Amino acid sequence: QKRLREGRPIALIADEVGYESPSALSRAFRRKVGKSPR
């Protein structure tokens, strides 16, 4: 969430926080927040 506010692309964020792909990050994000990152 912090990196999204800063305008960083999700493809770079995924690797920084331990997900093998943006889609894996999006699934985990939705599971926690109830929405996609976008």
PDB file of all heavy atoms in Angstrom:
ATOM      1  N   GLN A   1       0.833  -1.203   0.000  1.00  0.00           N
ATOM      2  CA  GLN A   1       0.000   0.000   0.000  1.00  0.00           C
ATOM      3  C   GLN A   1       0.869   1.255   0.000  1.00  0.00           C
ATOM      4  O   GLN A   1       0.586   2.225  -0.716  1.00  0.00           O
ATOM      5  CB  GLN A   1      -0.931  -0.022   1.205  1.00  0.00           C
ATOM      6  CG  GLN A   1      -2.014  -1.091   1.101  1.00  0.00           C
ATOM      7  CD  GLN A   1      -2.814  -1.238   2.376  1.00  0.00           C
ATOM      8  OE1 GLN A   1      -2.292  -1.054   3.483  1.00  0.00           O
ATOM      9  NE2 GLN A   1      -4.083  -1.573   2.247  1.00  0.00           N
ATOM     10  N   LYS A   2       1.915   1.257   0.798  1.00  0.00           N
ATOM     11  CA  LYS A   2       2.817   2.419   0.829  1.00  0.00           C
ATOM     12  C   LYS A   2       3.459   2.634  -0.536  1.00  0.00           C
ATOM     13  O   LYS A   2       3.509   3.766  -1.045  1.00  0.00           O
ATOM     14  CB  LYS A   2       3.895   2.212   1.886  1.00  0.00           C
ATOM     15  CG  LYS A   2       4.952   3.309   1.929  1.00  0.00           C
ATOM     16  CD  LYS A   2       5.945   3.055   3.035  1.00  0.00           C
ATOM     17  CE  LYS A   2       6.999   4.158   3.086  1.00  0.00           C
ATOM     18  NZ  LYS A   2       7.977   4.034   1.975  1.00  0.00           N
ATOM     19  N   ARG A   3       3.942   1.573  -1.151  1.00  0.00           N
ATOM     20  CA  ARG A   3       4.607   1.698  -2.448  1.00  0.00           C
ATOM     21  C   ARG A   3       3.628   2.087  -3.550  1.00  0.00           C
ATOM     22  O   ARG A   3       3.980   2.827  -4.475  1.00  0.00           O
ATOM     23  CB  ARG A   3       5.326   0.399  -2.794  1.00  0.00           C
ATOM     24  CG  ARG A   3       6.615   0.197  -1.971  1.00  0.00           C
ATOM     25  CD  ARG A   3       7.031  -1.264  -1.948  1.00  0.00           C
ATOM     26  NE  ARG A   3       8.367  -1.455  -1.411  1.00  0.00           N
ATOM     27  CZ  ARG A   3       8.688  -1.384  -0.124  1.00  0.00           C
ATOM     28  NH1 ARG A   3       7.746  -1.067   0.778  1.00  0.00           N
ATOM     29  NH2 ARG A   3       9.929  -1.608   0.287  1.00  0.00           N
ATOM     30  N   LEU A   4       2.404   1.601  -3.484  1.00  0.00           N
ATOM     31  CA  LEU A   4       1.403   2.013  -4.467  1.00  0.00           C
ATOM     32  C   LEU A   4       1.143   3.514  -4.361  1.00  0.00           C
ATOM     33  O   LEU A   4       1.017   4.205  -5.381  1.00  0.00           O
ATOM     34  CB  LEU A   4       0.100   1.236  -4.256  1.00  0.00           C
ATOM     35  CG  LEU A   4       0.101  -0.239  -4.675  1.00  0.00           C
ATOM     36  CD1 LEU A   4      -1.186  -0.918  -4.202  1.00  0.00           C
ATOM     37  CD2 LEU A   4       0.262  -0.389  -6.184  1.00  0.00           C
ATOM     38  N   ARG A   5       1.037   4.025  -3.139  1.00  0.00           N
ATOM     39  CA  ARG A   5       0.846   5.466  -2.952  1.00  0.00           C
ATOM     40  C   ARG A   5       2.007   6.260  -3.548  1.00  0.00           C
ATOM     41  O   ARG A   5       1.839   7.389  -4.003  1.00  0.00           O
ATOM     42  CB  ARG A   5       0.714   5.798  -1.468  1.00  0.00           C
ATOM     43  CG  ARG A   5      -0.626   5.452  -0.831  1.00  0.00           C
ATOM     44  CD  ARG A   5      -0.697   6.092   0.543  1.00  0.00           C
ATOM     45  NE  ARG A   5      -1.965   5.873   1.203  1.00  0.00           N
ATOM     46  CZ  ARG A   5      -2.160   4.974   2.174  1.00  0.00           C
ATOM     47  NH1 ARG A   5      -1.148   4.212   2.562  1.00  0.00           N
ATOM     48  NH2 ARG A   5      -3.340   4.839   2.746  1.00  0.00           N
ATOM     49  N   GLU A   6       3.188   5.673  -3.520  1.00  0.00           N
ATOM     50  CA  GLU A   6       4.370   6.351  -4.038  1.00  0.00           C
ATOM     51  C   GLU A   6       4.482   6.258  -5.561  1.00  0.00           C
ATOM     52  O   GLU A   6       5.402   6.839  -6.148  1.00  0.00           O
ATOM     53  CB  GLU A   6       5.624   5.752  -3.403  1.00  0.00           C
ATOM     54  CG  GLU A   6       5.720   6.002  -1.903  1.00  0.00           C
ATOM     55  CD  GLU A   6       6.808   5.186  -1.223  1.00  0.00           C
ATOM     56  OE1 GLU A   6       7.329   4.241  -1.861  1.00  0.00           O
ATOM     57  OE2 GLU A   6       7.124   5.472  -0.059  1.00  0.00           O
ATOM     58  N   GLY A   7       3.575   5.503  -6.191  1.00  0.00           N
ATOM     59  CA  GLY A   7       3.572   5.401  -7.639  1.00  0.00           C
ATOM     60  C   GLY A   7       4.448   4.309  -8.209  1.00  0.00           C
ATOM     61  O   GLY A   7       4.713   4.282  -9.418  1.00  0.00           O
ATOM     62  N   ARG A   8       4.895   3.379  -7.389  1.00  0.00           N
ATOM     63  CA  ARG A   8       5.744   2.307  -7.887  1.00  0.00           C
ATOM     64  C   ARG A   8       4.912   1.277  -8.648  1.00  0.00           C
ATOM     65  O   ARG A   8       3.795   0.942  -8.226  1.00  0.00           O
ATOM     66  CB  ARG A   8       6.489   1.629  -6.739  1.00  0.00           C
ATOM     67  CG  ARG A   8       7.517   2.526  -6.076  1.00  0.00           C
ATOM     68  CD  ARG A   8       8.215   1.815  -4.940  1.00  0.00           C
ATOM     69  NE  ARG A   8       9.027   0.697  -5.400  1.00  0.00           N
ATOM     70  CZ  ARG A   8      10.243   0.802  -5.904  1.00  0.00           C
ATOM     71  NH1 ARG A   8      10.789   2.003  -6.047  1.00  0.00           N
ATOM     72  NH2 ARG A   8      10.917  -0.260  -6.265  1.00  0.00           N
ATOM     73  N   PRO A   9       5.434   0.701  -9.724  1.00  0.00           N
ATOM     74  CA  PRO A   9       4.701  -0.309 -10.495  1.00  0.00           C
ATOM     75  C   PRO A   9       4.595  -1.612  -9.721  1.00  0.00           C
ATOM     76  O   PRO A   9       5.529  -2.013  -9.020  1.00  0.00           O
ATOM     77  CB  PRO A   9       5.532  -0.475 -11.762  1.00  0.00           C
ATOM     78  CG  PRO A   9       6.896   0.002 -11.401  1.00  0.00           C
ATOM     79  CD  PRO A   9       6.717   1.062 -10.358  1.00  0.00           C
ATOM     80  N   ILE A  10       3.472  -2.281  -9.869  1.00  0.00           N
ATOM     81  CA  ILE A  10       3.211  -3.474  -9.073  1.00  0.00           C
ATOM     82  C   ILE A  10       4.173  -4.605  -9.407  1.00  0.00           C
ATOM     83  O   ILE A  10       4.476  -5.447  -8.559  1.00  0.00           O
ATOM     84  CB  ILE A  10       1.740  -3.909  -9.226  1.00  0.00           C
ATOM     85  CG1 ILE A  10       1.367  -4.906  -8.118  1.00  0.00           C
ATOM     86  CG2 ILE A  10       1.477  -4.489 -10.619  1.00  0.00           C
ATOM     87  CD1 ILE A  10      -0.105  -5.121  -7.976  1.00  0.00           C
ATOM     88  N   ALA A  11       4.692  -4.636 -10.627  1.00  0.00           N
ATOM     89  CA  ALA A  11       5.645  -5.679 -10.995  1.00  0.00           C
ATOM     90  C   ALA A  11       6.913  -5.595 -10.146  1.00  0.00           C
ATOM     91  O   ALA A  11       7.486  -6.623  -9.762  1.00  0.00           O
ATOM     92  CB  ALA A  11       5.993  -5.579 -12.475  1.00  0.00           C
ATOM     93  N   LEU A  12       7.365  -4.392  -9.847  1.00  0.00           N
ATOM     94  CA  LEU A  12       8.538  -4.219  -8.993  1.00  0.00           C
ATOM     95  C   LEU A  12       8.197  -4.485  -7.530  1.00  0.00           C
ATOM     96  O   LEU A  12       8.991  -5.056  -6.789  1.00  0.00           O
ATOM     97  CB  LEU A  12       9.102  -2.810  -9.148  1.00  0.00           C
ATOM     98  CG  LEU A  12       9.715  -2.461 -10.508  1.00  0.00           C
ATOM     99  CD1 LEU A  12      10.206  -1.023 -10.506  1.00  0.00           C
ATOM    100  CD2 LEU A  12      10.845  -3.416 -10.852  1.00  0.00           C
ATOM    101  N   ILE A  13       7.013  -4.065  -7.119  1.00  0.00           N
ATOM    102  CA  ILE A  13       6.606  -4.254  -5.724  1.00  0.00           C
ATOM    103  C   ILE A  13       6.533  -5.735  -5.388  1.00  0.00           C
ATOM    104  O   ILE A  13       6.943  -6.162  -4.301  1.00  0.00           O
ATOM    105  CB  ILE A  13       5.246  -3.578  -5.470  1.00  0.00           C
ATOM    106  CG1 ILE A  13       5.337  -2.075  -5.688  1.00  0.00           C
ATOM    107  CG2 ILE A  13       4.779  -3.866  -4.041  1.00  0.00           C
ATOM    108  CD1 ILE A  13       3.992  -1.365  -5.613  1.00  0.00           C
ATOM    109  N   ALA A  14       6.007  -6.544  -6.299  1.00  0.00           N
ATOM    110  CA  ALA A  14       5.819  -7.972  -6.034  1.00  0.00           C
ATOM    111  C   ALA A  14       7.127  -8.624  -5.608  1.00  0.00           C
ATOM    112  O   ALA A  14       7.178  -9.357  -4.610  1.00  0.00           O
ATOM    113  CB  ALA A  14       5.247  -8.663  -7.273  1.00  0.00           C
ATOM    114  N   ASP A  15       8.186  -8.370  -6.333  1.00  0.00           N
ATOM    115  CA  ASP A  15       9.475  -8.974  -6.009  1.00  0.00           C
ATOM    116  C   ASP A  15      10.005  -8.472  -4.673  1.00  0.00           C
ATOM    117  O   ASP A  15      10.594  -9.232  -3.894  1.00  0.00           O
ATOM    118  CB  ASP A  15      10.479  -8.661  -7.126  1.00  0.00           C
ATOM    119  CG  ASP A  15      11.820  -9.326  -6.893  1.00  0.00           C
ATOM    120  OD1 ASP A  15      11.849 -10.570  -6.832  1.00  0.00           O
ATOM    121  OD2 ASP A  15      12.830  -8.607  -6.757  1.00  0.00           O
ATOM    122  N   GLU A  16       9.774  -7.211  -4.365  1.00  0.00           N
ATOM    123  CA  GLU A  16      10.288  -6.625  -3.117  1.00  0.00           C
ATOM    124  C   GLU A  16       9.645  -7.224  -1.881  1.00  0.00           C
ATOM    125  O   GLU A  16      10.269  -7.256  -0.814  1.00  0.00           O
ATOM    126  CB  GLU A  16      10.053  -5.113  -3.133  1.00  0.00           C
ATOM    127  CG  GLU A  16      10.863  -4.361  -4.164  1.00  0.00           C
ATOM    128  CD  GLU A  16      10.480  -2.892  -4.250  1.00  0.00           C
ATOM    129  OE1 GLU A  16       9.478  -2.497  -3.608  1.00  0.00           O
ATOM    130  OE2 GLU A  16      11.180  -2.147  -4.950  1.00  0.00           O
ATOM    131  N   VAL A  17       8.402  -7.668  -1.985  1.00  0.00           N
ATOM    132  CA  VAL A  17       7.693  -8.166  -0.803  1.00  0.00           C
ATOM    133  C   VAL A  17       7.460  -9.677  -0.837  1.00  0.00           C
ATOM    134  O   VAL A  17       6.697 -10.204  -0.028  1.00  0.00           O
ATOM    135  CB  VAL A  17       6.359  -7.423  -0.597  1.00  0.00           C
ATOM    136  CG1 VAL A  17       6.602  -5.951  -0.332  1.00  0.00           C
ATOM    137  CG2 VAL A  17       5.432  -7.614  -1.788  1.00  0.00           C
ATOM    138  N   GLY A  18       8.107 -10.388  -1.756  1.00  0.00           N
ATOM    139  CA  GLY A  18       8.115 -11.845  -1.657  1.00  0.00           C
ATOM    140  C   GLY A  18       7.112 -12.601  -2.498  1.00  0.00           C
ATOM    141  O   GLY A  18       6.810 -13.762  -2.179  1.00  0.00           O
ATOM    142  N   TYR A  19       6.605 -12.004  -3.572  1.00  0.00           N
ATOM    143  CA  TYR A  19       5.676 -12.715  -4.452  1.00  0.00           C
ATOM    144  C   TYR A  19       6.334 -12.921  -5.814  1.00  0.00           C
ATOM    145  O   TYR A  19       7.008 -12.038  -6.343  1.00  0.00           O
ATOM    146  CB  TYR A  19       4.361 -11.940  -4.585  1.00  0.00           C
ATOM    147  CG  TYR A  19       3.601 -11.899  -3.281  1.00  0.00           C
ATOM    148  CD1 TYR A  19       3.670 -10.774  -2.449  1.00  0.00           C
ATOM    149  CD2 TYR A  19       2.867 -12.991  -2.846  1.00  0.00           C
ATOM    150  CE1 TYR A  19       3.010 -10.746  -1.233  1.00  0.00           C
ATOM    151  CE2 TYR A  19       2.195 -12.975  -1.627  1.00  0.00           C
ATOM    152  CZ  TYR A  19       2.275 -11.849  -0.823  1.00  0.00           C
ATOM    153  OH  TYR A  19       1.625 -11.835   0.381  1.00  0.00           O
ATOM    154  N   GLU A  20       6.092 -14.119  -6.371  1.00  0.00           N
ATOM    155  CA  GLU A  20       6.773 -14.483  -7.599  1.00  0.00           C
ATOM    156  C   GLU A  20       6.232 -13.775  -8.827  1.00  0.00           C
ATOM    157  O   GLU A  20       6.872 -13.762  -9.880  1.00  0.00           O
ATOM    158  CB  GLU A  20       6.709 -15.998  -7.822  1.00  0.00           C
ATOM    159  CG  GLU A  20       5.324 -16.574  -8.106  1.00  0.00           C
ATOM    160  CD  GLU A  20       4.529 -16.892  -6.843  1.00  0.00           C
ATOM    161  OE1 GLU A  20       4.963 -16.473  -5.744  1.00  0.00           O
ATOM    162  OE2 GLU A  20       3.488 -17.572  -6.964  1.00  0.00           O
ATOM    163  N   SER A  21       5.060 -13.152  -8.712  1.00  0.00           N
ATOM    164  CA  SER A  21       4.469 -12.471  -9.863  1.00  0.00           C
ATOM    165  C   SER A  21       3.463 -11.427  -9.380  1.00  0.00           C
ATOM    166  O   SER A  21       2.966 -11.516  -8.245  1.00  0.00           O
ATOM    167  CB  SER A  21       3.745 -13.473 -10.774  1.00  0.00           C
ATOM    168  OG  SER A  21       2.617 -14.023 -10.107  1.00  0.00           O
ATOM    169  N   PRO A  22       3.129 -10.433 -10.215  1.00  0.00           N
ATOM    170  CA  PRO A  22       2.097  -9.469  -9.858  1.00  0.00           C
ATOM    171  C   PRO A  22       0.749 -10.124  -9.593  1.00  0.00           C
ATOM    172  O   PRO A  22       0.006  -9.663  -8.718  1.00  0.00           O
ATOM    173  CB  PRO A  22       2.038  -8.553 -11.085  1.00  0.00           C
ATOM    174  CG  PRO A  22       3.393  -8.645 -11.684  1.00  0.00           C
ATOM    175  CD  PRO A  22       3.823 -10.062 -11.471  1.00  0.00           C
ATOM    176  N   SER A  23       0.421 -11.185 -10.323  1.00  0.00           N
ATOM    177  CA  SER A  23      -0.870 -11.851 -10.100  1.00  0.00           C
ATOM    178  C   SER A  23      -0.909 -12.527  -8.733  1.00  0.00           C
ATOM    179  O   SER A  23      -1.946 -12.511  -8.054  1.00  0.00           O
ATOM    180  CB  SER A  23      -1.148 -12.867 -11.212  1.00  0.00           C
ATOM    181  OG  SER A  23      -0.122 -13.848 -11.265  1.00  0.00           O
ATOM    182  N   ALA A  24       0.223 -13.109  -8.301  1.00  0.00           N
ATOM    183  CA  ALA A  24       0.268 -13.713  -6.961  1.00  0.00           C
ATOM    184  C   ALA A  24       0.111 -12.640  -5.887  1.00  0.00           C
ATOM    185  O   ALA A  24      -0.593 -12.836  -4.884  1.00  0.00           O
ATOM    186  CB  ALA A  24       1.576 -14.464  -6.777  1.00  0.00           C
ATOM    187  N   LEU A  25       0.747 -11.509  -6.109  1.00  0.00           N
ATOM    188  CA  LEU A  25       0.584 -10.392  -5.172  1.00  0.00           C
ATOM    189  C   LEU A  25      -0.865  -9.929  -5.142  1.00  0.00           C
ATOM    190  O   LEU A  25      -1.428  -9.689  -4.065  1.00  0.00           O
ATOM    191  CB  LEU A  25       1.498  -9.245  -5.577  1.00  0.00           C
ATOM    192  CG  LEU A  25       1.255  -7.883  -4.899  1.00  0.00           C
ATOM    193  CD1 LEU A  25       1.308  -7.996  -3.392  1.00  0.00           C
ATOM    194  CD2 LEU A  25       2.257  -6.851  -5.395  1.00  0.00           C
ATOM    195  N   SER A  26      -1.486  -9.783  -6.296  1.00  0.00           N
ATOM    196  CA  SER A  26      -2.868  -9.312  -6.360  1.00  0.00           C
ATOM    197  C   SER A  26      -3.809 -10.250  -5.629  1.00  0.00           C
ATOM    198  O   SER A  26      -4.735  -9.811  -4.938  1.00  0.00           O
ATOM    199  CB  SER A  26      -3.305  -9.141  -7.815  1.00  0.00           C
ATOM    200  OG  SER A  26      -2.572  -8.108  -8.433  1.00  0.00           O
ATOM    201  N   ARG A  27      -3.592 -11.552  -5.758  1.00  0.00           N
ATOM    202  CA  ARG A  27      -4.453 -12.521  -5.060  1.00  0.00           C
ATOM    203  C   ARG A  27      -4.302 -12.383  -3.548  1.00  0.00           C
ATOM    204  O   ARG A  27      -5.291 -12.394  -2.807  1.00  0.00           O
ATOM    205  CB  ARG A  27      -4.110 -13.942  -5.504  1.00  0.00           C
ATOM    206  CG  ARG A  27      -4.551 -14.275  -6.923  1.00  0.00           C
ATOM    207  CD  ARG A  27      -4.479 -15.770  -7.177  1.00  0.00           C
ATOM    208  NE  ARG A  27      -3.110 -16.282  -7.093  1.00  0.00           N
ATOM    209  CZ  ARG A  27      -2.254 -16.320  -8.106  1.00  0.00           C
ATOM    210  NH1 ARG A  27      -2.609 -15.845  -9.300  1.00  0.00           N
ATOM    211  NH2 ARG A  27      -1.033 -16.825  -7.940  1.00  0.00           N
ATOM    212  N   ALA A  28      -3.058 -12.267  -3.077  1.00  0.00           N
ATOM    213  CA  ALA A  28      -2.828 -12.113  -1.636  1.00  0.00           C
ATOM    214  C   ALA A  28      -3.408 -10.796  -1.135  1.00  0.00           C
ATOM    215  O   ALA A  28      -4.007 -10.735  -0.050  1.00  0.00           O
ATOM    216  CB  ALA A  28      -1.329 -12.183  -1.344  1.00  0.00           C
ATOM    217  N   PHE A  29      -3.240  -9.739  -1.905  1.00  0.00           N
ATOM    218  CA  PHE A  29      -3.755  -8.420  -1.534  1.00  0.00           C
ATOM    219  C   PHE A  29      -5.276  -8.461  -1.425  1.00  0.00           C
ATOM    220  O   PHE A  29      -5.855  -7.953  -0.454  1.00  0.00           O
ATOM    221  CB  PHE A  29      -3.315  -7.407  -2.594  1.00  0.00           C
ATOM    222  CG  PHE A  29      -3.534  -5.967  -2.202  1.00  0.00           C
ATOM    223  CD1 PHE A  29      -2.488  -5.216  -1.694  1.00  0.00           C
ATOM    224  CD2 PHE A  29      -4.767  -5.353  -2.357  1.00  0.00           C
ATOM    225  CE1 PHE A  29      -2.666  -3.879  -1.346  1.00  0.00           C
ATOM    226  CE2 PHE A  29      -4.959  -4.020  -2.013  1.00  0.00           C
ATOM    227  CZ  PHE A  29      -3.905  -3.288  -1.502  1.00  0.00           C
ATOM    228  N   ARG A  30      -5.930  -9.073  -2.400  1.00  0.00           N
ATOM    229  CA  ARG A  30      -7.396  -9.153  -2.366  1.00  0.00           C
ATOM    230  C   ARG A  30      -7.876  -9.981  -1.181  1.00  0.00           C
ATOM    231  O   ARG A  30      -8.896  -9.669  -0.559  1.00  0.00           O
ATOM    232  CB  ARG A  30      -7.925  -9.739  -3.675  1.00  0.00           C
ATOM    233  CG  ARG A  30      -9.443  -9.768  -3.756  1.00  0.00           C
ATOM    234  CD  ARG A  30      -9.927 -10.375  -5.058  1.00  0.00           C
ATOM    235  NE  ARG A  30      -9.689  -9.491  -6.194  1.00  0.00           N
ATOM    236  CZ  ARG A  30     -10.508  -8.501  -6.535  1.00  0.00           C
ATOM    237  NH1 ARG A  30     -11.596  -8.242  -5.816  1.00  0.00           N
ATOM    238  NH2 ARG A  30     -10.231  -7.766  -7.590  1.00  0.00           N
ATOM    239  N   ARG A  31      -7.137 -11.046  -0.868  1.00  0.00           N
ATOM    240  CA  ARG A  31      -7.520 -11.884   0.267  1.00  0.00           C
ATOM    241  C   ARG A  31      -7.492 -11.091   1.572  1.00  0.00           C
ATOM    242  O   ARG A  31      -8.333 -11.290   2.451  1.00  0.00           O
ATOM    243  CB  ARG A  31      -6.570 -13.083   0.343  1.00  0.00           C
ATOM    244  CG  ARG A  31      -6.966 -14.136   1.365  1.00  0.00           C
ATOM    245  CD  ARG A  31      -6.236 -15.443   1.140  1.00  0.00           C
ATOM    246  NE  ARG A  31      -4.817 -15.357   1.463  1.00  0.00           N
ATOM    247  CZ  ARG A  31      -3.834 -15.411   0.581  1.00  0.00           C
ATOM    248  NH1 ARG A  31      -4.108 -15.512  -0.714  1.00  0.00           N
ATOM    249  NH2 ARG A  31      -2.572 -15.327   0.975  1.00  0.00           N
ATOM    250  N   LYS A  32      -6.540 -10.171   1.695  1.00  0.00           N
ATOM    251  CA  LYS A  32      -6.406  -9.389   2.927  1.00  0.00           C
ATOM    252  C   LYS A  32      -7.310  -8.166   2.940  1.00  0.00           C
ATOM    253  O   LYS A  32      -7.922  -7.850   3.969  1.00  0.00           O
ATOM    254  CB  LYS A  32      -4.943  -8.948   3.085  1.00  0.00           C
ATOM    255  CG  LYS A  32      -4.647  -8.136   4.336  1.00  0.00           C
ATOM    256  CD  LYS A  32      -4.776  -8.997   5.578  1.00  0.00           C
ATOM    257  CE  LYS A  32      -4.354  -8.217   6.821  1.00  0.00           C
ATOM    258  NZ  LYS A  32      -4.501  -9.020   8.046  1.00  0.00           N
ATOM    259  N   VAL A  33      -7.392  -7.455   1.808  1.00  0.00           N
ATOM    260  CA  VAL A  33      -8.052  -6.148   1.756  1.00  0.00           C
ATOM    261  C   VAL A  33      -9.467  -6.224   1.202  1.00  0.00           C
ATOM    262  O   VAL A  33     -10.315  -5.376   1.516  1.00  0.00           O
ATOM    263  CB  VAL A  33      -7.188  -5.160   0.931  1.00  0.00           C
ATOM    264  CG1 VAL A  33      -7.836  -3.793   0.829  1.00  0.00           C
ATOM    265  CG2 VAL A  33      -5.794  -5.044   1.541  1.00  0.00           C
ATOM    266  N   GLY A  34      -9.730  -7.232   0.371  1.00  0.00           N
ATOM    267  CA  GLY A  34     -11.048  -7.340  -0.253  1.00  0.00           C
ATOM    268  C   GLY A  34     -11.139  -6.623  -1.586  1.00  0.00           C
ATOM    269  O   GLY A  34     -12.207  -6.589  -2.205  1.00  0.00           O
ATOM    270  N   LYS A  35     -10.030  -6.040  -2.045  1.00  0.00           N
ATOM    271  CA  LYS A  35      -9.974  -5.347  -3.327  1.00  0.00           C
ATOM    272  C   LYS A  35      -8.648  -5.668  -3.985  1.00  0.00           C
ATOM    273  O   LYS A  35      -7.665  -6.040  -3.303  1.00  0.00           O
ATOM    274  CB  LYS A  35     -10.075  -3.825  -3.144  1.00  0.00           C
ATOM    275  CG  LYS A  35     -11.360  -3.329  -2.500  1.00  0.00           C
ATOM    276  CD  LYS A  35     -11.303  -1.815  -2.291  1.00  0.00           C
ATOM    277  CE  LYS A  35     -12.580  -1.311  -1.634  1.00  0.00           C
ATOM    278  NZ  LYS A  35     -12.515   0.147  -1.364  1.00  0.00           N
ATOM    279  N   SER A  36      -8.584  -5.486  -5.298  1.00  0.00           N
ATOM    280  CA  SER A  36      -7.303  -5.601  -5.982  1.00  0.00           C
ATOM    281  C   SER A  36      -6.460  -4.372  -5.653  1.00  0.00           C
ATOM    282  O   SER A  36      -6.990  -3.341  -5.213  1.00  0.00           O
ATOM    283  CB  SER A  36      -7.518  -5.689  -7.494  1.00  0.00           C
ATOM    284  OG  SER A  36      -7.929  -4.425  -8.005  1.00  0.00           O
ATOM    285  N   PRO A  37      -5.144  -4.456  -5.856  1.00  0.00           N
ATOM    286  CA  PRO A  37      -4.311  -3.259  -5.625  1.00  0.00           C
ATOM    287  C   PRO A  37      -4.789  -2.046  -6.414  1.00  0.00           C
ATOM    288  O   PRO A  37      -4.806  -0.924  -5.886  1.00  0.00           O
ATOM    289  CB  PRO A  37      -2.915  -3.713  -6.068  1.00  0.00           C
ATOM    290  CG  PRO A  37      -2.918  -5.190  -5.843  1.00  0.00           C
ATOM    291  CD  PRO A  37      -4.312  -5.638  -6.159  1.00  0.00           C
ATOM    292  N   ARG A  38      -5.174  -2.245  -7.666  1.00  0.00           N
ATOM    293  CA  ARG A  38      -5.637  -1.128  -8.478  1.00  0.00           C
ATOM    294  C   ARG A  38      -6.930  -0.534  -7.914  1.00  0.00           C
ATOM    295  O   ARG A  38      -7.079   0.692  -7.824  1.00  0.00           O
ATOM    296  CB  ARG A  38      -5.869  -1.589  -9.923  1.00  0.00           C
ATOM    297  CG  ARG A  38      -6.196  -0.448 -10.888  1.00  0.00           C
ATOM    298  CD  ARG A  38      -6.514  -1.000 -12.272  1.00  0.00           C
ATOM    299  NE  ARG A  38      -5.389  -1.744 -12.815  1.00  0.00           N
ATOM    300  CZ  ARG A  38      -4.370  -1.194 -13.459  1.00  0.00           C
ATOM    301  NH1 ARG A  38      -4.341   0.124 -13.644  1.00  0.00           N
ATOM    302  NH2 ARG A  38      -3.389  -1.931 -13.935  1.00  0.00           N
TER     303      ARG A  38
END
